[in-house]
Protein backbone atom coordinates (compact mmCIF):
# COMPACT_ATOMS: atom_id res chain seq x y z
CA MET A 1 14.60 153.02 17.72
CA LEU A 2 18.06 152.80 16.70
CA LEU A 3 17.37 153.03 13.06
CA SER A 4 15.31 156.15 13.44
CA THR A 5 18.16 157.65 15.52
CA VAL A 6 21.04 156.74 12.92
CA VAL A 7 18.39 158.49 10.31
CA ASP A 8 17.51 161.62 12.47
CA ILE A 9 21.24 162.16 13.01
CA LEU A 10 21.88 161.85 9.42
CA LEU A 11 19.34 164.06 7.79
CA VAL A 12 20.75 166.84 10.54
CA ALA A 13 24.20 166.17 9.29
CA ALA A 14 23.29 166.88 5.82
CA VAL A 15 21.61 169.96 6.20
CA LEU A 16 24.45 171.41 8.28
CA TYR A 17 26.89 169.83 5.50
CA TRP A 18 24.80 171.92 2.93
CA LEU A 19 24.61 175.24 4.88
CA ILE A 20 28.48 175.00 5.57
CA MET A 21 28.97 174.56 1.87
CA LEU A 22 26.48 177.37 0.82
CA SER A 23 28.19 180.05 3.49
CA ARG A 24 31.20 179.21 3.76
CA ARG A 25 32.62 181.37 0.41
CA THR A 26 30.30 184.30 1.18
CA ARG A 27 30.60 186.98 4.01
CA ALA A 28 28.54 184.89 6.33
CA TRP A 29 31.20 182.18 7.12
CA LYS A 30 32.60 184.66 9.81
CA LEU A 31 29.16 185.06 11.28
CA VAL A 32 28.65 181.36 11.70
CA TRP A 33 31.43 180.53 13.51
CA GLY A 34 30.44 183.27 15.70
CA ILE A 35 27.30 181.57 16.22
CA VAL A 36 28.92 178.32 16.49
CA ILE A 37 30.74 179.94 19.71
CA PHE A 38 28.29 181.37 21.26
CA LEU A 39 25.94 178.10 21.09
CA SER A 40 29.28 175.83 22.67
CA LEU A 41 29.28 178.38 25.24
CA ILE A 42 25.31 177.66 26.64
CA PRO A 43 26.37 173.89 27.56
CA LEU A 44 30.00 174.86 28.75
CA THR A 45 28.73 177.18 31.30
CA GLU A 46 26.16 174.69 32.46
CA TRP A 47 28.64 172.02 32.47
CA THR A 48 31.03 174.33 34.59
CA ARG A 49 28.11 175.57 36.92
CA LEU A 50 28.39 179.59 35.67
CA GLN A 51 24.44 180.05 36.21
CA THR A 52 24.46 183.46 36.38
CA LEU A 53 26.38 183.53 32.36
CA ASN A 54 24.32 180.59 31.87
CA TYR A 55 21.20 182.29 32.29
CA LEU A 56 21.91 185.34 30.45
CA LEU A 57 23.13 183.10 27.36
CA ARG A 58 19.77 181.12 27.58
CA SER A 59 17.85 184.48 27.64
CA PHE A 60 18.68 185.32 23.80
CA LEU A 61 18.06 182.01 22.66
CA PRO A 62 14.13 182.90 22.04
CA LEU A 63 15.82 185.62 20.08
CA GLY A 64 17.85 184.02 17.76
CA SER A 65 15.77 183.12 14.82
CA VAL A 66 14.98 186.95 14.64
CA ILE A 67 19.04 187.88 15.01
CA ILE A 68 19.93 184.66 12.26
CA ALA A 69 17.06 186.12 9.79
CA ILE A 70 18.61 189.69 10.13
CA LEU A 71 22.01 188.63 9.56
CA PHE A 72 21.61 186.68 7.30
CA TYR A 73 18.82 187.84 5.10
CA PRO A 74 20.90 187.49 1.81
CA GLU A 75 21.83 184.19 2.19
CA ILE A 76 18.88 182.16 3.25
CA ARG A 77 17.09 184.07 0.18
CA ARG A 78 19.92 182.26 -1.80
CA ALA A 79 19.42 178.83 0.07
CA LEU A 80 15.81 178.88 -0.57
CA GLU A 81 15.93 179.78 -3.68
CA GLU A 82 18.44 177.12 -4.53
CA MET A 83 16.37 174.73 -2.62
CA SER A 84 13.86 175.08 -4.76
CA LYS A 85 16.41 173.65 -7.74
CA LEU A 86 17.32 170.72 -5.76
CA ALA A 87 15.12 167.56 -6.82
CA ALA A 88 16.97 166.12 -3.96
CA TRP A 89 20.02 166.56 -1.22
CA GLY A 90 23.17 165.25 -2.51
CA GLY A 91 22.81 165.08 -6.41
CA GLU A 92 25.79 166.96 -6.93
CA LEU A 93 27.84 164.52 -4.69
CA THR A 94 26.62 161.88 -6.33
CA GLY A 95 26.51 162.50 -10.33
CA THR A 96 23.24 163.88 -10.76
CA ILE A 97 25.10 167.15 -11.75
CA ARG A 98 26.87 165.28 -14.64
CA ARG A 99 23.00 163.98 -15.92
CA ASP A 100 21.41 167.08 -15.81
CA LEU A 101 24.38 169.20 -17.54
CA ARG A 102 24.15 166.31 -20.59
CA THR A 103 22.18 168.95 -22.65
CA PRO A 104 23.93 172.18 -21.56
CA VAL A 105 27.47 170.03 -22.16
CA GLU A 106 26.46 169.92 -26.05
CA ILE A 107 25.44 173.08 -25.76
CA ILE A 108 28.39 174.29 -24.58
CA ALA A 109 30.61 171.79 -27.09
CA SER A 110 28.88 173.27 -29.80
CA ALA A 111 29.20 177.00 -29.06
CA ALA A 112 32.98 176.55 -28.01
CA SER A 113 33.90 174.88 -31.64
CA ALA A 114 31.69 177.92 -33.40
CA MET A 115 33.42 180.04 -31.25
CA SER A 116 36.87 177.93 -31.98
CA ARG A 117 36.45 178.01 -35.59
CA ARG A 118 35.71 182.02 -35.59
CA GLU A 119 38.40 182.29 -33.24
CA ILE A 120 36.87 184.21 -30.45
CA GLY A 121 37.76 184.17 -27.17
CA ALA A 122 35.65 182.66 -24.32
CA LEU A 123 35.91 181.73 -20.39
CA ILE A 124 32.90 179.49 -19.33
CA VAL A 125 32.97 178.12 -15.74
CA ILE A 126 30.76 175.53 -14.61
CA GLN A 127 29.53 175.27 -11.14
CA ARG A 128 30.09 171.94 -9.77
CA GLU A 129 29.61 171.40 -5.77
CA ASN A 130 31.64 174.28 -4.24
CA THR A 131 29.74 177.47 -4.59
CA LEU A 132 30.99 180.52 -7.10
CA GLU A 133 29.56 182.93 -4.90
CA GLU A 134 32.38 185.61 -4.50
CA ILE A 135 33.05 185.23 -8.70
CA LEU A 136 29.44 185.70 -9.27
CA GLU A 137 29.59 189.01 -7.61
CA THR A 138 32.40 190.12 -9.85
CA GLY A 139 30.06 190.15 -12.97
CA VAL A 140 26.17 190.67 -13.99
CA ARG A 141 23.93 188.55 -12.51
CA LEU A 142 21.10 187.00 -15.36
CA ASP A 143 20.50 183.51 -14.66
CA ALA A 144 18.79 182.75 -18.18
CA GLN A 145 18.27 179.15 -19.83
CA ILE A 146 21.58 178.60 -21.38
CA SER A 147 21.38 178.29 -25.10
CA GLU A 148 23.82 178.45 -27.61
CA GLN A 149 22.95 182.00 -29.24
CA LEU A 150 22.70 183.41 -25.90
CA ILE A 151 26.68 182.24 -25.24
CA LEU A 152 27.54 183.42 -28.75
CA ALA A 153 25.94 186.77 -28.02
CA ILE A 154 27.80 187.22 -24.77
CA PHE A 155 31.39 186.41 -26.27
CA ASN A 156 30.70 188.79 -29.59
CA PRO A 157 33.73 190.55 -29.47
CA GLY A 158 31.65 193.59 -29.71
CA GLY A 159 29.50 193.23 -26.77
CA ALA A 160 30.29 194.52 -23.10
CA LEU A 161 30.67 191.17 -21.61
CA HIS A 162 32.59 189.13 -23.89
CA ASP A 163 35.93 190.19 -21.88
CA GLY A 164 34.67 188.20 -18.47
CA ALA A 165 33.58 184.67 -17.74
CA ILE A 166 30.22 183.14 -17.75
CA ILE A 167 29.20 180.71 -14.92
CA VAL A 168 26.87 178.00 -15.81
CA LYS A 169 25.31 175.84 -13.00
CA GLY A 170 22.68 172.77 -14.68
CA SER A 171 20.83 174.63 -17.58
CA ARG A 172 21.23 178.13 -15.94
CA ILE A 173 23.61 180.79 -17.05
CA LEU A 174 24.24 182.69 -13.64
CA ALA A 175 26.44 185.48 -14.69
CA ALA A 176 28.50 187.03 -16.99
CA GLY A 177 31.42 189.11 -17.83
CA CYS A 178 32.71 187.77 -14.17
CA THR A 179 36.45 187.93 -13.10
CA LEU A 180 38.16 184.76 -12.09
CA PRO A 181 41.66 184.99 -9.77
CA LEU A 182 44.89 183.89 -11.89
CA SER A 183 46.83 180.74 -10.93
CA THR A 184 49.82 181.50 -8.88
CA SER A 185 51.38 177.79 -9.43
CA ALA A 186 55.27 178.06 -9.86
CA GLN A 187 54.71 175.34 -12.49
CA VAL A 188 52.12 177.36 -15.17
CA GLY A 189 54.58 178.57 -17.57
CA THR A 190 55.17 181.89 -19.30
CA MET A 191 53.42 180.98 -22.77
CA ILE A 192 50.24 180.45 -21.10
CA HIS A 193 47.72 183.43 -21.57
CA THR A 194 45.55 185.39 -19.22
CA ARG A 195 42.21 182.98 -19.85
CA HIS A 196 43.68 180.12 -19.45
CA LYS A 197 46.03 181.19 -15.80
CA ALA A 198 42.35 182.65 -15.02
CA ALA A 199 40.84 178.57 -15.94
CA LEU A 200 43.80 177.16 -13.86
CA GLY A 201 43.09 179.52 -11.08
CA VAL A 202 39.28 178.45 -10.43
CA ALA A 203 40.10 174.70 -10.87
CA GLU A 204 42.94 174.93 -8.19
CA GLU A 205 40.50 176.42 -5.84
CA THR A 206 37.34 175.02 -6.77
CA ASP A 207 36.00 171.50 -8.16
CA ALA A 208 34.48 173.70 -11.19
CA ALA A 209 35.39 172.85 -14.58
CA VAL A 210 36.84 175.83 -17.46
CA VAL A 211 36.13 175.87 -21.26
CA VAL A 212 38.56 177.86 -22.51
CA VAL A 213 38.68 178.88 -26.28
CA SER A 214 42.12 181.01 -27.46
CA GLU A 215 41.62 184.15 -29.24
CA GLU A 216 44.51 184.21 -30.97
CA THR A 217 44.77 180.14 -31.79
CA GLY A 218 41.09 179.26 -31.77
CA THR A 219 42.20 176.02 -29.58
CA ILE A 220 39.97 174.81 -27.06
CA SER A 221 40.90 173.68 -23.50
CA LEU A 222 39.92 172.22 -20.28
CA ALA A 223 41.01 173.31 -16.82
CA VAL A 224 39.23 170.75 -14.11
CA GLY A 225 41.15 169.49 -10.94
CA GLY A 226 44.39 172.38 -10.77
CA LYS A 227 44.93 170.86 -14.61
CA LEU A 228 44.89 172.04 -17.81
CA HIS A 229 43.87 169.84 -20.92
CA ARG A 230 44.87 171.60 -24.16
CA ASP A 231 44.27 171.24 -28.05
CA LEU A 232 40.88 169.29 -27.68
CA ASP A 233 38.72 168.95 -30.39
CA ALA A 234 35.09 169.69 -29.13
CA VAL A 235 33.12 167.69 -31.63
CA THR A 236 35.19 164.60 -32.25
CA ALA A 237 37.68 163.78 -29.41
CA GLY A 238 35.21 165.21 -26.61
CA VAL A 239 37.12 165.90 -22.77
CA PRO A 240 39.73 163.71 -21.93
CA GLU A 241 39.36 160.70 -19.65
CA SER A 242 41.28 162.18 -17.04
CA SER A 243 39.22 165.17 -16.28
CA GLY A 244 36.25 163.55 -15.09
CA TRP A 245 34.02 164.36 -17.51
CA ARG A 246 32.16 162.60 -20.34
CA ARG A 247 29.89 163.23 -23.17
CA ARG A 248 27.36 160.82 -24.48
CA ASN A 249 24.76 159.96 -26.98
CA GLY A 250 25.83 161.97 -29.91
CA CYS A 251 28.36 164.34 -28.79
CA SER A 252 31.55 161.91 -29.64
CA LYS A 253 31.54 158.67 -30.76
CA ALA A 254 33.47 156.91 -28.43
CA ARG A 255 35.36 153.73 -29.31
CA PRO A 256 34.50 150.27 -27.76
CA GLU A 257 37.91 150.30 -25.56
CA ARG A 258 37.05 154.04 -23.95
CA GLN A 259 33.63 153.09 -23.04
CA SER A 260 35.05 150.02 -20.83
CA ARG A 261 37.69 152.62 -19.75
CA GLN A 262 34.62 154.79 -19.07
CA HIS A 263 33.38 152.08 -16.55
CA ALA A 264 36.57 151.90 -14.98
CA GLN A 265 36.83 155.27 -13.81
CA THR A 266 32.85 155.47 -12.64
CA GLY A 267 34.20 153.79 -9.26
CA GLY A 268 37.30 156.39 -8.62
CA VAL A 269 35.17 159.06 -9.35
CA GLN A 270 32.62 158.06 -6.53
CA GLU A 271 35.61 157.69 -4.31
CA LYS A 272 36.82 161.01 -4.96
CA MET A 273 32.97 162.25 -4.55
CA ILE A 274 33.59 160.46 -0.79
CA ARG A 275 36.69 161.81 0.07
CA HIS A 276 35.87 165.38 -1.03
CA ASN A 277 35.07 167.87 1.59
CA LEU A 278 35.65 165.25 4.11
CA PRO A 279 36.58 167.17 6.82
CA TRP A 280 33.51 169.28 6.51
CA LYS A 281 31.59 166.11 6.22
CA LEU A 282 32.77 164.60 9.86
CA LEU A 283 32.79 167.92 11.03
CA SER A 284 28.91 167.97 9.92
CA LEU A 285 28.70 164.52 11.08
CA ALA A 286 29.94 165.12 14.78
CA VAL A 287 27.60 168.34 15.16
CA ALA A 288 24.58 166.65 14.42
CA ILE A 289 25.49 164.02 16.85
CA ILE A 290 26.34 166.98 19.53
CA LEU A 291 22.73 168.25 18.49
CA TRP A 292 20.96 164.68 19.09
CA ALA A 293 22.23 164.09 22.37
CA TYR A 294 21.78 167.83 23.61
CA VAL A 295 18.08 168.06 22.13
CA ASN A 296 17.28 164.51 23.71
CA ALA A 297 18.87 165.70 26.93
CA GLU A 298 16.41 168.49 27.09
CA ARG A 299 13.45 166.93 25.58
CA ASN A 300 14.08 163.53 27.38
CA PRO A 301 15.61 164.57 30.61
CA GLN A 302 17.70 161.58 32.67
CA SER A 303 16.40 160.32 35.71
CA SER A 304 17.49 157.08 38.14
CA LYS A 305 15.39 155.21 40.73
CA VAL A 306 16.91 152.59 42.93
CA PHE A 307 14.88 149.41 44.15
CA LEU A 308 15.69 146.59 46.89
CA THR A 309 13.91 143.10 45.18
CA SER A 310 14.01 139.76 46.24
CA ILE A 311 16.14 137.85 44.31
CA GLN A 312 14.04 134.92 42.66
CA VAL A 313 15.53 131.37 41.56
CA LYS A 314 14.68 130.04 38.08
CA GLY A 315 15.65 126.44 36.65
CA LEU A 316 15.67 124.81 39.86
CA GLN A 317 15.21 120.76 39.12
CA ASN A 318 11.99 119.17 41.30
CA GLY A 319 12.84 117.75 44.16
CA TYR A 320 15.72 120.02 45.02
CA THR A 321 15.65 123.32 47.24
CA HIS A 322 17.95 126.31 47.36
CA ASP A 323 19.70 128.90 49.69
CA LEU A 324 21.64 132.35 48.64
CA GLU A 325 24.88 132.72 50.47
CA GLY A 326 25.44 136.65 50.79
CA GLY A 327 21.67 138.15 51.08
CA ALA A 328 18.56 137.09 49.44
CA GLU A 329 18.00 140.80 48.41
CA ALA A 330 19.55 142.61 45.33
CA LYS A 331 20.04 146.62 44.98
CA VAL A 332 19.18 147.61 41.39
CA THR A 333 19.87 151.29 40.57
CA ILE A 334 17.89 152.11 36.89
CA ARG A 335 18.60 154.93 34.90
CA GLY A 336 17.08 156.78 31.44
CA THR A 337 14.76 158.87 30.60
CA ALA A 338 12.22 160.38 33.14
CA ALA A 339 9.62 158.88 30.74
CA LEU A 340 10.99 156.03 31.06
CA VAL A 341 12.36 155.49 35.06
CA ASP A 342 9.76 157.65 36.57
CA PRO A 343 6.57 155.50 36.04
CA LEU A 344 8.81 152.15 36.99
CA ARG A 345 7.46 150.44 40.57
CA LYS A 346 9.34 147.85 42.50
CA ASP A 347 6.43 145.33 40.91
CA ASP A 348 7.66 145.91 37.39
CA VAL A 349 11.51 144.93 38.78
CA SER A 350 12.68 141.04 38.63
CA VAL A 351 15.77 139.83 40.06
CA TRP A 352 16.57 136.22 39.29
CA VAL A 353 19.66 133.79 39.20
CA ASP A 354 19.67 130.90 37.06
CA ALA A 355 19.99 127.58 38.77
CA GLU A 356 19.59 125.46 35.55
CA GLY A 357 22.31 122.62 35.55
CA LEU A 358 22.85 122.32 39.58
CA GLY A 359 21.77 119.68 41.96
CA THR A 360 23.35 116.59 43.31
CA PRO A 361 21.76 113.16 44.60
CA GLY A 362 23.08 112.59 48.27
CA ARG A 363 25.02 116.04 48.81
CA ALA A 364 24.73 119.94 48.70
CA THR A 365 26.17 121.87 45.28
CA LEU A 366 27.75 125.24 45.31
CA ALA A 367 28.33 127.90 42.82
CA ALA A 368 28.53 131.34 41.56
CA ARG A 369 25.70 132.49 39.56
CA ARG A 370 25.54 136.23 37.93
CA VAL A 371 22.58 138.21 39.23
CA ARG A 372 20.08 139.28 36.20
CA VAL A 373 17.77 142.09 36.18
CA ASN A 374 14.61 142.40 34.04
CA VAL A 375 12.21 145.56 33.67
CA ALA A 376 8.61 144.65 32.54
CA GLY A 377 6.96 145.86 29.36
CA ILE A 378 11.07 148.22 28.43
CA ALA A 379 13.29 147.11 25.93
CA GLN A 380 16.90 146.84 27.96
CA ASP A 381 18.63 148.84 25.81
CA ASP A 382 17.02 151.48 26.45
CA LEU A 383 17.82 151.17 30.30
CA THR A 384 20.75 151.48 32.13
CA LEU A 385 20.41 148.93 34.72
CA ASN A 386 23.44 148.33 37.61
CA VAL A 387 22.75 145.72 40.05
CA GLU A 388 24.12 144.72 43.57
CA PRO A 389 25.35 142.02 44.30
CA VAL A 390 26.64 141.14 40.59
CA ARG A 391 27.22 137.67 41.66
CA VAL A 392 25.99 135.41 44.26
CA ARG A 393 26.53 131.77 45.66
CA LEU A 394 23.69 129.76 44.80
CA ARG A 395 23.59 126.52 47.10
CA VAL A 396 22.12 123.59 45.90
CA GLU A 397 20.67 120.16 47.73
CA GLU A 398 18.17 117.69 47.71
CA VAL A 399 14.59 117.83 49.48
CA ARG A 400 13.74 115.74 52.44
CA THR A 401 10.81 115.47 54.49
CA ARG A 402 10.41 113.78 58.29
CA ARG A 403 7.41 113.40 60.50
CA LEU A 404 7.98 114.71 64.16
CA PRO A 405 5.64 114.52 67.10
CA VAL A 406 5.14 117.86 68.81
CA GLU A 407 6.20 118.54 72.32
CA ALA A 408 4.93 120.58 74.74
CA LYS A 409 7.66 123.23 77.05
CA LEU A 410 6.27 125.09 79.87
CA LEU A 411 9.05 127.69 80.42
CA SER A 412 7.49 128.89 84.00
CA PRO A 413 6.70 126.58 87.01
CA PRO A 414 3.34 126.32 87.99
CA PRO A 415 1.99 127.64 91.29
CA ILE A 416 2.10 126.47 94.72
CA GLY A 417 0.05 123.40 95.18
CA TYR A 418 -0.73 122.82 92.02
CA SER A 419 1.00 120.97 88.49
CA TYR A 420 0.50 121.26 85.19
CA GLY A 421 -1.30 118.21 83.20
CA GLU A 422 -1.44 116.25 80.77
CA PRO A 423 -1.12 118.64 77.50
CA ARG A 424 -3.67 117.77 74.43
CA ILE A 425 -1.69 119.19 71.35
CA THR A 426 -3.56 119.74 67.87
CA PRO A 427 -1.81 118.47 65.52
CA ALA A 428 0.29 115.98 67.12
CA ALA A 429 2.72 115.34 64.80
CA VAL A 430 4.05 118.04 61.76
CA ALA A 431 6.06 116.59 59.02
CA VAL A 432 9.38 118.25 58.59
CA SER A 433 10.44 119.38 55.09
CA GLY A 434 13.74 121.31 53.17
CA ARG A 435 17.51 120.79 52.84
CA ALA A 436 18.51 117.19 53.48
CA SER A 437 21.29 118.49 55.92
CA ALA A 438 18.99 120.46 58.14
CA VAL A 439 16.30 118.02 58.30
CA ALA A 440 18.50 115.91 59.70
CA ARG A 441 19.72 117.88 62.47
CA VAL A 442 16.05 118.53 63.91
CA ALA A 443 15.96 116.37 67.23
CA ARG A 444 12.07 117.57 68.05
CA LEU A 445 9.22 119.57 67.62
CA LEU A 446 8.54 122.21 70.52
CA VAL A 447 5.87 124.87 71.15
CA THR A 448 6.09 126.74 74.34
CA PRO A 449 2.82 127.98 75.52
CA THR A 450 2.36 130.31 78.52
CA LEU A 451 0.04 130.29 81.62
CA ASN A 452 -1.48 133.70 82.27
CA PRO A 453 -1.58 135.23 85.71
CA GLY A 454 -4.49 133.95 87.56
CA ALA A 455 -5.45 131.75 84.71
CA LYS A 456 -6.08 127.74 85.69
CA THR A 457 -6.54 126.31 82.01
CA ILE A 458 -4.01 126.81 78.85
CA ASP A 459 -6.08 126.89 75.46
CA GLN A 460 -3.39 128.60 72.82
CA GLU A 461 -2.31 128.30 69.03
CA VAL A 462 1.54 128.47 69.58
CA GLU A 463 4.56 128.31 66.67
CA VAL A 464 5.87 124.69 66.29
CA ARG A 465 9.81 125.00 66.47
CA PRO A 466 12.27 122.28 64.97
CA VAL A 467 15.23 122.12 67.68
CA ASP A 468 18.43 120.55 67.12
CA SER A 469 19.72 118.14 70.33
CA LYS A 470 21.09 121.33 71.93
CA GLY A 471 17.73 123.39 71.75
CA ALA A 472 19.09 125.48 68.67
CA VAL A 473 16.69 126.62 65.88
CA VAL A 474 16.86 124.81 63.05
CA SER A 475 16.12 127.34 60.03
CA GLY A 476 15.45 127.38 56.91
CA LEU A 477 12.80 124.43 56.98
CA ARG A 478 9.20 123.95 55.74
CA LEU A 479 6.56 122.60 58.48
CA ASP A 480 2.68 121.76 56.93
CA ALA A 481 1.73 123.46 60.37
CA ASP A 482 3.60 125.91 61.67
CA ARG A 483 1.17 126.38 64.67
CA ALA A 484 -0.25 123.67 66.90
CA ARG A 485 -2.66 124.53 69.36
CA VAL A 486 -2.19 123.36 72.80
CA GLN A 487 -4.85 122.63 75.72
CA MET A 488 -3.87 121.93 79.24
CA SER A 489 -5.25 122.57 82.98
CA LEU A 490 -3.79 122.83 85.83
CA VAL A 491 -4.13 120.03 88.69
CA GLU A 492 -4.39 121.06 92.14
CA THR A 493 -1.67 119.11 94.87
CA PRO A 494 -1.15 119.28 98.27
CA ALA A 495 2.02 121.80 99.25
CA THR A 496 4.17 121.46 102.06
CA LYS A 497 6.24 124.14 103.85
CA MET A 498 8.96 124.21 106.18
CA VAL A 499 8.03 126.71 109.35
CA LEU A 500 9.76 127.58 112.42
CA VAL A 501 9.12 125.70 115.93
CA SER A 502 8.26 128.29 118.92
CA PRO A 503 8.37 127.15 122.10
CA ARG A 504 5.46 128.57 124.40
CA ILE A 505 6.91 129.17 128.08
CA VAL A 506 4.78 129.77 131.21
CA GLY A 507 5.91 131.40 134.59
CA GLN A 508 8.84 132.53 135.74
CA PRO A 509 11.64 131.57 137.81
CA ARG A 510 12.52 132.20 141.50
CA PRO A 511 14.07 135.46 141.69
CA PRO A 512 16.80 136.80 141.17
CA ALA A 513 17.28 134.07 138.50
CA VAL A 514 16.38 134.60 134.92
CA VAL A 515 15.86 133.01 131.54
CA LYS A 516 19.13 133.32 129.76
CA LYS A 517 18.25 130.90 126.55
CA VAL A 518 15.66 128.86 125.05
CA ILE A 519 16.86 125.52 123.03
CA VAL A 520 14.30 124.18 120.52
CA SER A 521 15.21 120.82 118.77
CA PRO A 522 14.02 120.50 116.18
CA PRO A 523 14.37 124.38 115.24
CA THR A 524 11.98 123.76 112.02
CA VAL A 525 9.50 120.91 111.00
CA THR A 526 7.86 120.47 107.78
CA ILE A 527 4.23 120.89 107.33
CA GLU A 528 2.07 119.99 104.47
CA GLY A 529 -1.61 121.16 103.38
CA LYS A 530 -3.76 123.58 101.25
CA PRO A 531 -1.54 126.29 99.12
CA GLY A 532 -3.65 128.88 100.56
CA VAL A 533 -3.33 128.06 104.25
CA LEU A 534 0.44 127.23 103.83
CA MET A 535 1.01 130.49 102.65
CA GLU A 536 -0.24 132.57 106.01
CA LEU A 537 1.77 130.41 107.93
CA SER A 538 5.29 130.73 108.96
CA THR A 539 5.63 129.48 112.53
CA VAL A 540 4.00 126.47 114.55
CA PHE A 541 3.96 126.50 118.70
CA THR A 542 4.65 123.83 121.28
CA ASP A 543 2.98 122.57 124.22
CA PRO A 544 3.40 124.97 127.22
CA ILE A 545 6.24 124.73 129.41
CA ASP A 546 6.26 125.53 133.24
CA ILE A 547 9.13 127.28 134.63
CA ASP A 548 7.46 128.89 137.47
CA GLY A 549 10.00 128.62 140.97
CA ALA A 550 12.86 126.92 138.90
CA GLU A 551 16.58 127.71 139.89
CA ASP A 552 18.14 125.48 137.52
CA ALA A 553 18.05 124.63 133.75
CA VAL A 554 14.30 123.35 132.61
CA THR A 555 14.49 120.39 129.66
CA ARG A 556 10.95 119.03 128.44
CA SER A 557 9.81 117.20 125.80
CA THR A 558 6.79 118.58 124.39
CA GLY A 559 4.55 117.74 121.73
CA ILE A 560 4.13 120.56 118.52
CA ASN A 561 0.63 121.87 117.75
CA ALA A 562 -0.29 121.88 113.74
CA PRO A 563 -2.96 124.45 113.21
CA SER A 564 -6.39 123.21 111.40
CA GLY A 565 -5.71 121.81 107.97
CA VAL A 566 -2.38 121.38 108.22
CA ARG A 567 -0.47 117.74 109.44
CA LEU A 568 3.17 118.07 110.38
CA LEU A 569 5.08 115.69 108.38
CA GLY A 570 7.76 113.71 109.83
CA THR A 571 8.43 114.23 113.88
CA ARG A 572 5.40 115.29 116.20
CA ARG A 573 7.80 116.74 119.44
CA ALA A 574 10.23 118.58 120.10
CA VAL A 575 12.86 118.92 123.62
CA VAL A 576 12.86 122.39 124.71
CA THR A 577 15.79 123.55 126.91
CA VAL A 578 15.11 126.39 129.19
CA GLN A 579 18.48 127.87 130.71
CA ILE A 580 18.01 129.48 133.75
CA GLY A 581 20.64 131.58 136.09
CA ALA A 582 21.92 134.80 137.97
CA PRO A 583 21.62 137.77 136.32
């Protein structure tokens, strides 16, 4: 995916650079900047939340292709013509123009030599990378196949086009009778003729090469790179090395030392080609990157999801267990394109820490470990993952096992008159496994059954809980049976109850004396019997005590009567004192 992205950006940058080079010397250049500003306003208004303006700008986008076709009709036509002539993009930059012009150079050299001998003036502009559209518009369009006869005919002193320059591109003569801009450099001497100033003017503003034949002296000159090379022999000397041009295969007989210098010059030419128009190349690349990001965001909108996932531990040695301090869950935030993020489920996300190398026999090991995230089926480079916490403290300790009996503890007392029988617990013992320090804290295993109201038996499956000596539950342990069945019955037992002793007084004292107070000793007694009978009793009575006609206090030792089904525990008699006095 990375390779395809790079290729995509470079191709777009190449197209943008080609369009810039094609239009920057034409009248469409200012319109191009206007379109760039218009397109830049769309993301700018979206970022600044100017919703109405953004809506209006986007409304014009569907009409963009029609508007561009109308405004740039001449430029589009010319661009299509140029595309049909190019074998591959960048041929001019990498030197293919020089390979294409090998035969044209021979033709130009031969024509220049012929005109030099006849002292016929000529200006031949060889277009390279930079477009010469403005110069072409000053002449007559030809678009003819280059030939020596055609060049000689154009510059014939009797012809209508002989005073202007011809523009050559590849093997075609694009135009003739063109007017060239004169050089304004202060270094140009007064002895240089108008043709040479015109050649220098083009060479200073563009990368074109201009061949000049002097009408006065017949000498051949070459203007390239802002410099003028004079008095050349087109047939034998060829073009100077500093000009960047070479004639090959029969145009000149280069000496061996010149051929070696030719190879050394190749690297410099390539470096110059790279540096040439470097700001425009960088601008094209930057715009291509921005376009790629914008299109990618439009076609692949961003999305995010949050998952709470348990942290797994990998790489733990056999015979060891672990604890995660600070929580066993992690919050995972996943960001990426909606096509990748929206279908994700919790099961697709795994969170884990590495415990490899941890664990010492006989003691616990505590270490901080980084939390790692993996999303099934998706490359990590395609997503932005954020996990909290980033690191956790991992405690690793040796595993121990103990087998302990299970004990029953009833939290509520039995009903009155009953007691709990011996419990039957299945299984009677349970193995406890876990961290060695935690297993050592376990004092016993408890089950706590409950008696349902009105029930006489208990038959329940109850959770088995490991507790320490203080009754607190020890957590983090594994039991081979986490529940136990408890069976237990209620056993009926005699109940006792303390009740009041109420004296039974019969008769009346001699008038006018009255009963002032009655004292019973003991005032209460303990009785024993069935719970149902005892629940209805609160008082037992003594035998009758007769006080009929008594004038003073009467004290009697009398028996205490127990109801049927109940027996007295302890004393069976009570002393009753009846105090009698005047009213």
